[in-house]
Amino acid sequence: MRSYPDLGVVKQQRLAAFGSGTVIGTLGGLIGLGGAEFRLPVLIGAFRFAALEAVILNKAMSLIVVASALPFRASTVPFGSIAQHWDAIANLLAGSLLGAWFGADWATRLKSETLYRTMAILLVVIAFALLLGHRAHAQGQPLFSGPIQVFSGAGAGFGIGVVASLLGVAGGELLIPTLVFLFGADIKLAGSLALAVSLPTMLAGFARYGHDKSFAVLGENRSFVLFMTLGSLAGAFLGGQLLGIVPSTALRPLLAGILLISAAKVWRHR
């Protein structure tokens, strides 16, 4: 006889996924990010997904959130303004596409314990990037120019692509300060340029994950992914509305602290 899942349990799981997604999306929206760095520890700790499964789920949801965020920002930063900086986008993509593929390949080969500890270290890096990397608020002169800028951009892109694939994140925490300091972009423009780089970078990592058997976790948890993604989108909108109310001087240390606590828990996870 075929067994059916308990509808009450399924409903609770969907509500938990939507509620968690809303909180995560709000946290990300408050700082202009997708919230994937907060979602990963929740997938591992609260929902008990294995490391690689959590990364793949996080990557899928981040992809949808990022794809939705770019047109949402079009009223503030038109697509024409983004296209004018195609050279910076192409420079970073030259490294990030390759980095995303290698990062995903490494993630599928690492032992679970090593992957957990790698995630923990990268969450600490992102916490400090969150604290230090968003202090630039105005357009300035690029750090380098000419061939040095090109090689630096490709190298930074490669590293960001690796991090994005290993954590299943968009990488905006690292892309935005890179665009501000290395290319002299205005902070608002940098946010949209980061999304333009993130989308193809995430697709490259996603394509590599598609060859791994753990990719089946998406099909097995379609409902969970849908409800958590809807919650993340709703939270991102809510976070954007609260952006002018909550002072960033207090918010960023708080969120960095959450990432550090999450890193400690992921490090000890078995």
C-alpha atoms as a PDB file:
ATOM      1  CA  MET A   1       0.000   0.000   0.000  1.00  0.00           C
ATOM      2  CA  ARG A   2       1.292   3.429  -0.921  1.00  0.00           C
ATOM      3  CA  SER A   3       2.013   5.702   2.046  1.00  0.00           C
ATOM      4  CA  TYR A   4       1.240   9.408   2.023  1.00  0.00           C
ATOM      5  CA  PRO A   5       2.973  12.111   4.026  1.00  0.00           C
ATOM      6  CA  ASP A   6       1.195  13.544   7.040  1.00  0.00           C
ATOM      7  CA  LEU A   7      -0.484  16.710   5.736  1.00  0.00           C
ATOM      8  CA  GLY A   8      -0.122  18.392   9.121  1.00  0.00           C
ATOM      9  CA  VAL A   9       3.644  17.830   9.108  1.00  0.00           C
ATOM     10  CA  VAL A  10       3.908  19.019   5.505  1.00  0.00           C
ATOM     11  CA  LYS A  11       2.014  22.205   6.379  1.00  0.00           C
ATOM     12  CA  GLN A  12       4.287  22.834   9.363  1.00  0.00           C
ATOM     13  CA  GLN A  13       7.370  22.339   7.190  1.00  0.00           C
ATOM     14  CA  ARG A  14       6.053  24.782   4.602  1.00  0.00           C
ATOM     15  CA  LEU A  15       5.229  27.377   7.254  1.00  0.00           C
ATOM     16  CA  ALA A  16       8.673  26.929   8.816  1.00  0.00           C
ATOM     17  CA  ALA A  17      10.336  27.295   5.407  1.00  0.00           C
ATOM     18  CA  PHE A  18       8.315  30.415   4.562  1.00  0.00           C
ATOM     19  CA  GLY A  19       8.866  31.962   8.006  1.00  0.00           C
ATOM     20  CA  SER A  20      12.614  31.286   7.943  1.00  0.00           C
ATOM     21  CA  GLY A  21      12.855  32.616   4.412  1.00  0.00           C
ATOM     22  CA  THR A  22      11.041  35.811   5.414  1.00  0.00           C
ATOM     23  CA  VAL A  23      13.391  36.477   8.336  1.00  0.00           C
ATOM     24  CA  ILE A  24      16.453  35.706   6.207  1.00  0.00           C
ATOM     25  CA  GLY A  25      15.215  37.843   3.321  1.00  0.00           C
ATOM     26  CA  THR A  26      14.530  40.745   5.695  1.00  0.00           C
ATOM     27  CA  LEU A  27      18.056  40.574   7.122  1.00  0.00           C
ATOM     28  CA  GLY A  28      19.498  40.531   3.620  1.00  0.00           C
ATOM     29  CA  GLY A  29      17.181  43.302   2.409  1.00  0.00           C
ATOM     30  CA  LEU A  30      18.266  45.580   5.239  1.00  0.00           C
ATOM     31  CA  ILE A  31      21.818  45.574   3.892  1.00  0.00           C
ATOM     32  CA  GLY A  32      20.978  45.282   0.203  1.00  0.00           C
ATOM     33  CA  LEU A  33      21.899  41.596  -0.163  1.00  0.00           C
ATOM     34  CA  GLY A  34      19.987  38.386  -0.851  1.00  0.00           C
ATOM     35  CA  GLY A  35      20.488  36.847   2.592  1.00  0.00           C
ATOM     36  CA  ALA A  36      22.046  33.585   1.362  1.00  0.00           C
ATOM     37  CA  GLU A  37      24.868  33.868   3.906  1.00  0.00           C
ATOM     38  CA  PHE A  38      22.227  33.703   6.658  1.00  0.00           C
ATOM     39  CA  ARG A  39      20.194  30.989   4.910  1.00  0.00           C
ATOM     40  CA  LEU A  40      23.033  28.452   4.707  1.00  0.00           C
ATOM     41  CA  PRO A  41      23.481  27.973   8.504  1.00  0.00           C
ATOM     42  CA  VAL A  42      19.679  27.678   8.887  1.00  0.00           C
ATOM     43  CA  LEU A  43      19.529  24.944   6.229  1.00  0.00           C
ATOM     44  CA  ILE A  44      22.272  23.040   8.035  1.00  0.00           C
ATOM     45  CA  GLY A  45      21.309  23.685  11.659  1.00  0.00           C
ATOM     46  CA  ALA A  46      17.526  24.038  11.730  1.00  0.00           C
ATOM     47  CA  PHE A  47      16.503  21.872   8.766  1.00  0.00           C
ATOM     48  CA  ARG A  48      19.326  19.308   9.102  1.00  0.00           C
ATOM     49  CA  PHE A  49      20.440  19.188   5.488  1.00  0.00           C
ATOM     50  CA  ALA A  50      23.898  17.774   4.791  1.00  0.00           C
ATOM     51  CA  ALA A  51      26.602  20.263   3.813  1.00  0.00           C
ATOM     52  CA  LEU A  52      26.555  19.775   0.043  1.00  0.00           C
ATOM     53  CA  GLU A  53      22.756  19.498  -0.077  1.00  0.00           C
ATOM     54  CA  ALA A  54      22.465  22.772   1.856  1.00  0.00           C
ATOM     55  CA  VAL A  55      24.829  24.489  -0.584  1.00  0.00           C
ATOM     56  CA  ILE A  56      22.833  23.288  -3.615  1.00  0.00           C
ATOM     57  CA  LEU A  57      19.508  24.344  -2.067  1.00  0.00           C
ATOM     58  CA  ASN A  58      21.000  27.697  -1.087  1.00  0.00           C
ATOM     59  CA  LYS A  59      22.363  28.174  -4.601  1.00  0.00           C
ATOM     60  CA  ALA A  60      18.976  27.467  -6.201  1.00  0.00           C
ATOM     61  CA  MET A  61      17.124  29.896  -3.937  1.00  0.00           C
ATOM     62  CA  SER A  62      19.831  32.547  -4.269  1.00  0.00           C
ATOM     63  CA  LEU A  63      19.587  32.292  -8.038  1.00  0.00           C
ATOM     64  CA  ILE A  64      15.859  33.094  -7.977  1.00  0.00           C
ATOM     65  CA  VAL A  65      16.285  35.950  -5.476  1.00  0.00           C
ATOM     66  CA  VAL A  66      19.140  37.515  -7.475  1.00  0.00           C
ATOM     67  CA  ALA A  67      17.247  37.189 -10.770  1.00  0.00           C
ATOM     68  CA  SER A  68      14.306  39.004  -9.155  1.00  0.00           C
ATOM     69  CA  ALA A  69      16.437  41.701  -7.507  1.00  0.00           C
ATOM     70  CA  LEU A  70      18.000  43.059 -10.710  1.00  0.00           C
ATOM     71  CA  PRO A  71      14.739  44.292 -12.321  1.00  0.00           C
ATOM     72  CA  PHE A  72      13.527  45.513  -8.900  1.00  0.00           C
ATOM     73  CA  ARG A  73      16.487  47.913  -8.810  1.00  0.00           C
ATOM     74  CA  ALA A  74      15.945  49.152 -12.375  1.00  0.00           C
ATOM     75  CA  SER A  75      13.993  52.213 -11.186  1.00  0.00           C
ATOM     76  CA  THR A  76      16.991  53.321  -9.108  1.00  0.00           C
ATOM     77  CA  VAL A  77      19.794  52.110 -11.376  1.00  0.00           C
ATOM     78  CA  PRO A  78      18.631  51.815 -15.039  1.00  0.00           C
ATOM     79  CA  PHE A  79      19.919  48.984 -17.191  1.00  0.00           C
ATOM     80  CA  GLY A  80      21.598  51.595 -19.392  1.00  0.00           C
ATOM     81  CA  SER A  81      23.815  52.674 -16.492  1.00  0.00           C
ATOM     82  CA  ILE A  82      24.774  49.063 -15.881  1.00  0.00           C
ATOM     83  CA  ALA A  83      25.591  48.514 -19.569  1.00  0.00           C
ATOM     84  CA  GLN A  84      27.930  51.525 -19.544  1.00  0.00           C
ATOM     85  CA  HIS A  85      30.162  49.605 -17.130  1.00  0.00           C
ATOM     86  CA  TRP A  86      30.318  46.426 -19.214  1.00  0.00           C
ATOM     87  CA  ASP A  87      34.113  46.450 -18.976  1.00  0.00           C
ATOM     88  CA  ALA A  88      34.078  46.065 -15.165  1.00  0.00           C
ATOM     89  CA  ILE A  89      31.431  43.324 -15.425  1.00  0.00           C
ATOM     90  CA  ALA A  90      33.414  41.458 -18.100  1.00  0.00           C
ATOM     91  CA  ASN A  91      36.642  41.851 -16.118  1.00  0.00           C
ATOM     92  CA  LEU A  92      35.159  40.255 -12.978  1.00  0.00           C
ATOM     93  CA  LEU A  93      33.307  37.577 -14.971  1.00  0.00           C
ATOM     94  CA  ALA A  94      36.563  36.524 -16.626  1.00  0.00           C
ATOM     95  CA  GLY A  95      37.633  35.204 -13.230  1.00  0.00           C
ATOM     96  CA  SER A  96      34.344  34.502 -11.443  1.00  0.00           C
ATOM     97  CA  LEU A  97      32.935  32.066 -14.034  1.00  0.00           C
ATOM     98  CA  LEU A  98      36.048  29.927 -13.782  1.00  0.00           C
ATOM     99  CA  GLY A  99      36.134  30.278  -9.992  1.00  0.00           C
ATOM    100  CA  ALA A 100      32.488  29.252  -9.689  1.00  0.00           C
ATOM    101  CA  TRP A 101      33.085  26.068 -11.696  1.00  0.00           C
ATOM    102  CA  PHE A 102      36.206  25.121  -9.705  1.00  0.00           C
ATOM    103  CA  GLY A 103      34.510  26.006  -6.399  1.00  0.00           C
ATOM    104  CA  ALA A 104      31.561  23.740  -7.158  1.00  0.00           C
ATOM    105  CA  ASP A 105      33.911  20.986  -8.293  1.00  0.00           C
ATOM    106  CA  TRP A 106      35.900  21.221  -5.048  1.00  0.00           C
ATOM    107  CA  ALA A 107      32.705  21.197  -2.960  1.00  0.00           C
ATOM    108  CA  THR A 108      31.597  17.908  -4.523  1.00  0.00           C
ATOM    109  CA  ARG A 109      34.986  16.321  -3.776  1.00  0.00           C
ATOM    110  CA  LEU A 110      35.576  17.526  -0.216  1.00  0.00           C
ATOM    111  CA  LYS A 111      34.768  15.354   2.768  1.00  0.00           C
ATOM    112  CA  SER A 112      31.735  16.582   4.715  1.00  0.00           C
ATOM    113  CA  GLU A 113      33.779  17.611   7.755  1.00  0.00           C
ATOM    114  CA  THR A 114      36.216  19.569   5.586  1.00  0.00           C
ATOM    115  CA  LEU A 115      33.336  21.255   3.760  1.00  0.00           C
ATOM    116  CA  TYR A 116      31.680  22.278   7.051  1.00  0.00           C
ATOM    117  CA  ARG A 117      34.922  23.826   8.280  1.00  0.00           C
ATOM    118  CA  THR A 118      35.552  25.554   4.958  1.00  0.00           C
ATOM    119  CA  MET A 119      32.050  27.036   5.174  1.00  0.00           C
ATOM    120  CA  ALA A 120      32.705  28.236   8.728  1.00  0.00           C
ATOM    121  CA  ILE A 121      35.924  30.000   7.705  1.00  0.00           C
ATOM    122  CA  LEU A 122      34.221  31.659   4.728  1.00  0.00           C
ATOM    123  CA  LEU A 123      31.326  32.843   6.916  1.00  0.00           C
ATOM    124  CA  VAL A 124      33.889  34.537   9.160  1.00  0.00           C
ATOM    125  CA  VAL A 125      35.447  36.189   6.081  1.00  0.00           C
ATOM    126  CA  ILE A 126      32.023  37.433   4.970  1.00  0.00           C
ATOM    127  CA  ALA A 127      31.291  38.748   8.473  1.00  0.00           C
ATOM    128  CA  PHE A 128      34.398  40.930   8.336  1.00  0.00           C
ATOM    129  CA  ALA A 129      33.632  41.938   4.736  1.00  0.00           C
ATOM    130  CA  LEU A 130      30.209  43.027   5.961  1.00  0.00           C
ATOM    131  CA  LEU A 131      31.778  45.143   8.696  1.00  0.00           C
ATOM    132  CA  LEU A 132      34.602  46.673   6.668  1.00  0.00           C
ATOM    133  CA  GLY A 133      33.646  46.464   3.017  1.00  0.00           C
ATOM    134  CA  HIS A 134      30.520  48.626   3.103  1.00  0.00           C
ATOM    135  CA  ARG A 135      32.104  51.710   4.643  1.00  0.00           C
ATOM    136  CA  ALA A 136      32.596  53.288   1.235  1.00  0.00           C
ATOM    137  CA  HIS A 137      29.556  55.349   0.304  1.00  0.00           C
ATOM    138  CA  ALA A 138      30.753  57.599  -2.475  1.00  0.00           C
ATOM    139  CA  GLN A 139      32.336  57.203  -5.850  1.00  0.00           C
ATOM    140  CA  GLY A 140      36.119  57.495  -5.776  1.00  0.00           C
ATOM    141  CA  GLN A 141      39.112  56.848  -7.943  1.00  0.00           C
ATOM    142  CA  PRO A 142      39.814  53.232  -8.901  1.00  0.00           C
ATOM    143  CA  LEU A 143      42.594  51.607  -6.908  1.00  0.00           C
ATOM    144  CA  PHE A 144      44.448  50.555 -10.091  1.00  0.00           C
ATOM    145  CA  SER A 145      44.255  51.243 -13.791  1.00  0.00           C
ATOM    146  CA  GLY A 146      45.377  49.559 -16.989  1.00  0.00           C
ATOM    147  CA  PRO A 147      46.679  45.969 -17.034  1.00  0.00           C
ATOM    148  CA  ILE A 148      47.070  45.861 -13.234  1.00  0.00           C
ATOM    149  CA  GLN A 149      43.350  46.583 -12.825  1.00  0.00           C
ATOM    150  CA  VAL A 150      42.461  43.894 -15.381  1.00  0.00           C
ATOM    151  CA  PHE A 151      44.566  41.211 -13.682  1.00  0.00           C
ATOM    152  CA  SER A 152      43.397  42.301 -10.213  1.00  0.00           C
ATOM    153  CA  GLY A 153      39.748  42.187 -11.338  1.00  0.00           C
ATOM    154  CA  ALA A 154      40.079  38.712 -12.835  1.00  0.00           C
ATOM    155  CA  GLY A 155      41.897  37.461  -9.708  1.00  0.00           C
ATOM    156  CA  ALA A 156      39.298  38.956  -7.371  1.00  0.00           C
ATOM    157  CA  GLY A 157      36.537  37.527  -9.553  1.00  0.00           C
ATOM    158  CA  PHE A 158      38.056  34.053  -9.365  1.00  0.00           C
ATOM    159  CA  GLY A 159      38.202  34.161  -5.563  1.00  0.00           C
ATOM    160  CA  ILE A 160      34.634  35.480  -5.307  1.00  0.00           C
ATOM    161  CA  GLY A 161      33.405  32.800  -7.705  1.00  0.00           C
ATOM    162  CA  VAL A 162      34.975  30.080  -5.539  1.00  0.00           C
ATOM    163  CA  VAL A 163      33.392  31.486  -2.367  1.00  0.00           C
ATOM    164  CA  ALA A 164      29.995  31.874  -4.073  1.00  0.00           C
ATOM    165  CA  SER A 165      29.975  28.236  -5.163  1.00  0.00           C
ATOM    166  CA  LEU A 166      31.257  26.806  -1.878  1.00  0.00           C
ATOM    167  CA  LEU A 167      28.545  28.612   0.118  1.00  0.00           C
ATOM    168  CA  GLY A 168      25.785  28.795  -2.487  1.00  0.00           C
ATOM    169  CA  VAL A 169      25.670  32.595  -2.183  1.00  0.00           C
ATOM    170  CA  ALA A 170      25.567  35.407  -4.736  1.00  0.00           C
ATOM    171  CA  GLY A 171      28.805  36.934  -3.455  1.00  0.00           C
ATOM    172  CA  GLY A 172      27.511  40.507  -3.195  1.00  0.00           C
ATOM    173  CA  GLU A 173      29.252  40.996   0.165  1.00  0.00           C
ATOM    174  CA  LEU A 174      32.585  40.651  -1.655  1.00  0.00           C
ATOM    175  CA  LEU A 175      31.626  42.005  -5.085  1.00  0.00           C
ATOM    176  CA  ILE A 176      30.319  45.370  -3.866  1.00  0.00           C
ATOM    177  CA  PRO A 177      33.506  46.472  -2.058  1.00  0.00           C
ATOM    178  CA  THR A 178      35.570  45.135  -4.977  1.00  0.00           C
ATOM    179  CA  LEU A 179      33.594  47.276  -7.434  1.00  0.00           C
ATOM    180  CA  VAL A 180      33.826  50.329  -5.167  1.00  0.00           C
ATOM    181  CA  PHE A 181      37.545  50.145  -4.423  1.00  0.00           C
ATOM    182  CA  LEU A 182      38.977  48.443  -7.492  1.00  0.00           C
ATOM    183  CA  PHE A 183      36.792  50.137 -10.126  1.00  0.00           C
ATOM    184  CA  GLY A 184      35.712  53.322  -8.317  1.00  0.00           C
ATOM    185  CA  ALA A 185      31.972  52.591  -8.713  1.00  0.00           C
ATOM    186  CA  ASP A 186      29.303  54.462  -6.773  1.00  0.00           C
ATOM    187  CA  ILE A 187      27.893  52.281  -3.978  1.00  0.00           C
ATOM    188  CA  LYS A 188      24.349  52.143  -5.462  1.00  0.00           C
ATOM    189  CA  LEU A 189      25.652  51.349  -8.925  1.00  0.00           C
ATOM    190  CA  ALA A 190      27.987  48.742  -7.401  1.00  0.00           C
ATOM    191  CA  GLY A 191      24.970  46.895  -5.980  1.00  0.00           C
ATOM    192  CA  SER A 192      23.420  46.485  -9.440  1.00  0.00           C
ATOM    193  CA  LEU A 193      26.746  45.682 -11.095  1.00  0.00           C
ATOM    194  CA  ALA A 194      27.291  43.002  -8.438  1.00  0.00           C
ATOM    195  CA  LEU A 195      23.941  41.420  -9.356  1.00  0.00           C
ATOM    196  CA  ALA A 196      24.906  41.476 -13.050  1.00  0.00           C
ATOM    197  CA  VAL A 197      28.116  39.592 -12.202  1.00  0.00           C
ATOM    198  CA  SER A 198      26.450  37.275  -9.675  1.00  0.00           C
ATOM    199  CA  LEU A 199      23.785  35.870 -11.987  1.00  0.00           C
ATOM    200  CA  PRO A 200      26.051  34.251 -14.638  1.00  0.00           C
ATOM    201  CA  THR A 201      28.554  33.307 -11.920  1.00  0.00           C
ATOM    202  CA  MET A 202      25.872  31.415 -10.001  1.00  0.00           C
ATOM    203  CA  LEU A 203      24.662  29.737 -13.192  1.00  0.00           C
ATOM    204  CA  ALA A 204      28.196  28.448 -13.833  1.00  0.00           C
ATOM    205  CA  GLY A 205      28.410  26.924 -10.342  1.00  0.00           C
ATOM    206  CA  PHE A 206      24.880  25.575 -10.637  1.00  0.00           C
ATOM    207  CA  ALA A 207      25.748  23.860 -13.919  1.00  0.00           C
ATOM    208  CA  ARG A 208      28.644  22.040 -12.235  1.00  0.00           C
ATOM    209  CA  TYR A 209      26.487  20.966  -9.298  1.00  0.00           C
ATOM    210  CA  GLY A 210      24.014  19.535 -11.783  1.00  0.00           C
ATOM    211  CA  HIS A 211      26.472  16.695 -12.462  1.00  0.00           C
ATOM    212  CA  ASP A 212      26.544  15.580  -8.806  1.00  0.00           C
ATOM    213  CA  LYS A 213      24.095  13.071  -7.301  1.00  0.00           C
ATOM    214  CA  SER A 214      23.358  15.480  -4.444  1.00  0.00           C
ATOM    215  CA  PHE A 215      21.590  17.679  -7.008  1.00  0.00           C
ATOM    216  CA  ALA A 216      18.585  15.376  -6.560  1.00  0.00           C
ATOM    217  CA  VAL A 217      17.880  17.208  -3.277  1.00  0.00           C
ATOM    218  CA  LEU A 218      16.159  19.925  -5.330  1.00  0.00           C
ATOM    219  CA  GLY A 219      13.615  17.529  -6.807  1.00  0.00           C
ATOM    220  CA  GLU A 220      13.044  15.866  -3.460  1.00  0.00           C
ATOM    221  CA  ASN A 221      12.364  19.200  -1.719  1.00  0.00           C
ATOM    222  CA  ARG A 222      10.519  21.210  -4.379  1.00  0.00           C
ATOM    223  CA  SER A 223       7.827  22.396  -2.002  1.00  0.00           C
ATOM    224  CA  PHE A 224      10.374  23.406   0.633  1.00  0.00           C
ATOM    225  CA  VAL A 225      12.400  25.383  -1.925  1.00  0.00           C
ATOM    226  CA  LEU A 226       9.277  27.131  -3.228  1.00  0.00           C
ATOM    227  CA  PHE A 227       8.038  28.281   0.179  1.00  0.00           C
ATOM    228  CA  MET A 228      11.453  29.345   1.463  1.00  0.00           C
ATOM    229  CA  THR A 229      12.106  31.277  -1.745  1.00  0.00           C
ATOM    230  CA  LEU A 230       8.722  33.020  -1.519  1.00  0.00           C
ATOM    231  CA  GLY A 231       9.533  33.918   2.078  1.00  0.00           C
ATOM    232  CA  SER A 232      12.958  35.225   1.038  1.00  0.00           C
ATOM    233  CA  LEU A 233      11.425  37.437  -1.667  1.00  0.00           C
ATOM    234  CA  ALA A 234       8.797  38.772   0.751  1.00  0.00           C
ATOM    235  CA  GLY A 235      11.486  39.403   3.354  1.00  0.00           C
ATOM    236  CA  ALA A 236      13.752  41.146   0.846  1.00  0.00           C
ATOM    237  CA  PHE A 237      10.902  43.533   0.011  1.00  0.00           C
ATOM    238  CA  LEU A 238      10.205  44.108   3.712  1.00  0.00           C
ATOM    239  CA  GLY A 239      13.886  44.685   4.438  1.00  0.00           C
ATOM    240  CA  GLY A 240      14.052  47.221   1.630  1.00  0.00           C
ATOM    241  CA  GLN A 241      11.114  49.122   3.149  1.00  0.00           C
ATOM    242  CA  LEU A 242      12.798  49.154   6.565  1.00  0.00           C
ATOM    243  CA  LEU A 243      16.123  50.248   5.110  1.00  0.00           C
ATOM    244  CA  GLY A 244      15.681  53.896   6.030  1.00  0.00           C
ATOM    245  CA  ILE A 245      14.402  53.140   9.544  1.00  0.00           C
ATOM    246  CA  VAL A 246      17.063  50.838  10.971  1.00  0.00           C
ATOM    247  CA  PRO A 247      20.482  52.558  11.330  1.00  0.00           C
ATOM    248  CA  SER A 248      23.181  50.644   9.448  1.00  0.00           C
ATOM    249  CA  THR A 249      25.785  51.603  12.080  1.00  0.00           C
ATOM    250  CA  ALA A 250      23.986  49.332  14.543  1.00  0.00           C
ATOM    251  CA  LEU A 251      22.733  46.794  12.026  1.00  0.00           C
ATOM    252  CA  ARG A 252      25.984  45.686  10.401  1.00  0.00           C
ATOM    253  CA  PRO A 253      27.785  44.717  13.657  1.00  0.00           C
ATOM    254  CA  LEU A 254      24.655  42.794  14.720  1.00  0.00           C
ATOM    255  CA  LEU A 255      24.470  40.861  11.455  1.00  0.00           C
ATOM    256  CA  ALA A 256      28.211  40.242  11.479  1.00  0.00           C
ATOM    257  CA  GLY A 257      27.800  38.825  14.983  1.00  0.00           C
ATOM    258  CA  ILE A 258      25.045  36.498  13.731  1.00  0.00           C
ATOM    259  CA  LEU A 259      27.399  35.248  11.003  1.00  0.00           C
ATOM    260  CA  LEU A 260      30.206  34.636  13.501  1.00  0.00           C
ATOM    261  CA  ILE A 261      27.888  32.637  15.789  1.00  0.00           C
ATOM    262  CA  SER A 262      26.641  30.695  12.751  1.00  0.00           C
ATOM    263  CA  ALA A 263      30.237  30.014  11.698  1.00  0.00           C
ATOM    264  CA  ALA A 264      31.012  28.547  15.126  1.00  0.00           C
ATOM    265  CA  LYS A 265      27.963  26.263  14.925  1.00  0.00           C
ATOM    266  CA  VAL A 266      28.762  25.129  11.381  1.00  0.00           C
ATOM    267  CA  TRP A 267      32.380  24.430  12.399  1.00  0.00           C
ATOM    268  CA  ARG A 268      31.182  22.060  15.148  1.00  0.00           C
ATOM    269  CA  HIS A 269      28.444  20.470  13.027  1.00  0.00           C
ATOM    270  CA  ARG A 270      28.584  16.758  12.306  1.00  0.00           C
END
